[in-house]
Amino acid sequence: MAQRDVRQRYAGASLGTWWAVVNPLVFVGAYTLLFTVIFRARLTPDAPPSAYAMYVVSGLLPWVAFAEVATRATQTVAEHRGLIKYTMFPAELLPLTSIFGAVASQCIGFILVVLINILLTGEIKVNIILLFLFLILQIMFLAGVAWMLASFGALLRDVRELIPIALTAGMFLTPIFYDPSNLPEVVRTIIVFNPMVPLLRVFRAAIIGTPADLVSLGFFSIISFVLCISGFAIFIRVRGELADTL
């Protein structure tokens, strides 16, 4: 079903599913060019603009995957109402279909970030073992998000309209384009409760070699386990009502 979801997304296009590869390549290339050549922003006064570009892109990729899963999760149950109303189908699989495409596209982007970073710095900073561990934790996190939002989206139609607004606000409350250590204390206190912050930190540590943060890894591991279990429990709780609601 996940493969079918990806094929349907690019149905009719000349390149077909190759767009799933082209999109992250263009995405990473455009942002790298933008911040390295045009804006030439820097994380620190002595750091090159390319370091800031890698910082931004390595944070944007997980956020885009999260936003895609969150948006699709609110719609996926309604899109497959026939399976739920008229067949004995395990409905808990439906919210998970978008994770495959989102994570696959993210991984392609990560590969490009690593290659560009090697070309710019001449150093290999990627930690494959840690990256694999973080991907597993991220998939658990995304599964919990998908189950929870699919439950709310099926019962409350307003959730579908609220999610894009929440994602827009959440993007600016997530340290994608800035270093949270430079923010006022009050703002840092608010941002620390954002579950995406530790995810971005551990991915950046594994991909571009920023200082590793074991506290962030432990915190995100707990969040992933709790959210995955609670999201699944919520979906199972409302699954019996889906046929009547849709």
Foldseek 3Di string as FASTA:
>chain_A
DLVVVLQVVQPPPPVGSCVLLVVLVCVLVVLQCCQQPPVQDDQDPPGGSNVLSLLQLLLVLLLQLLLQLLLVLLCQCVVPLVCLQPHPDPSLCRSLSSNVSSVVSSVSNLVVSQVVLCVVPVDRQADVVLLVVLSVLSSLQSSLSSLQSNLCSLQPVCSSVVSVVVSVVVVVLEQNNHDLVPDDPVSNVVSVPPLSNLSSQSSCCRRNNDDHDVVSVVVSSVSSVVSNVVSVVSNVVCSVVNNVRD
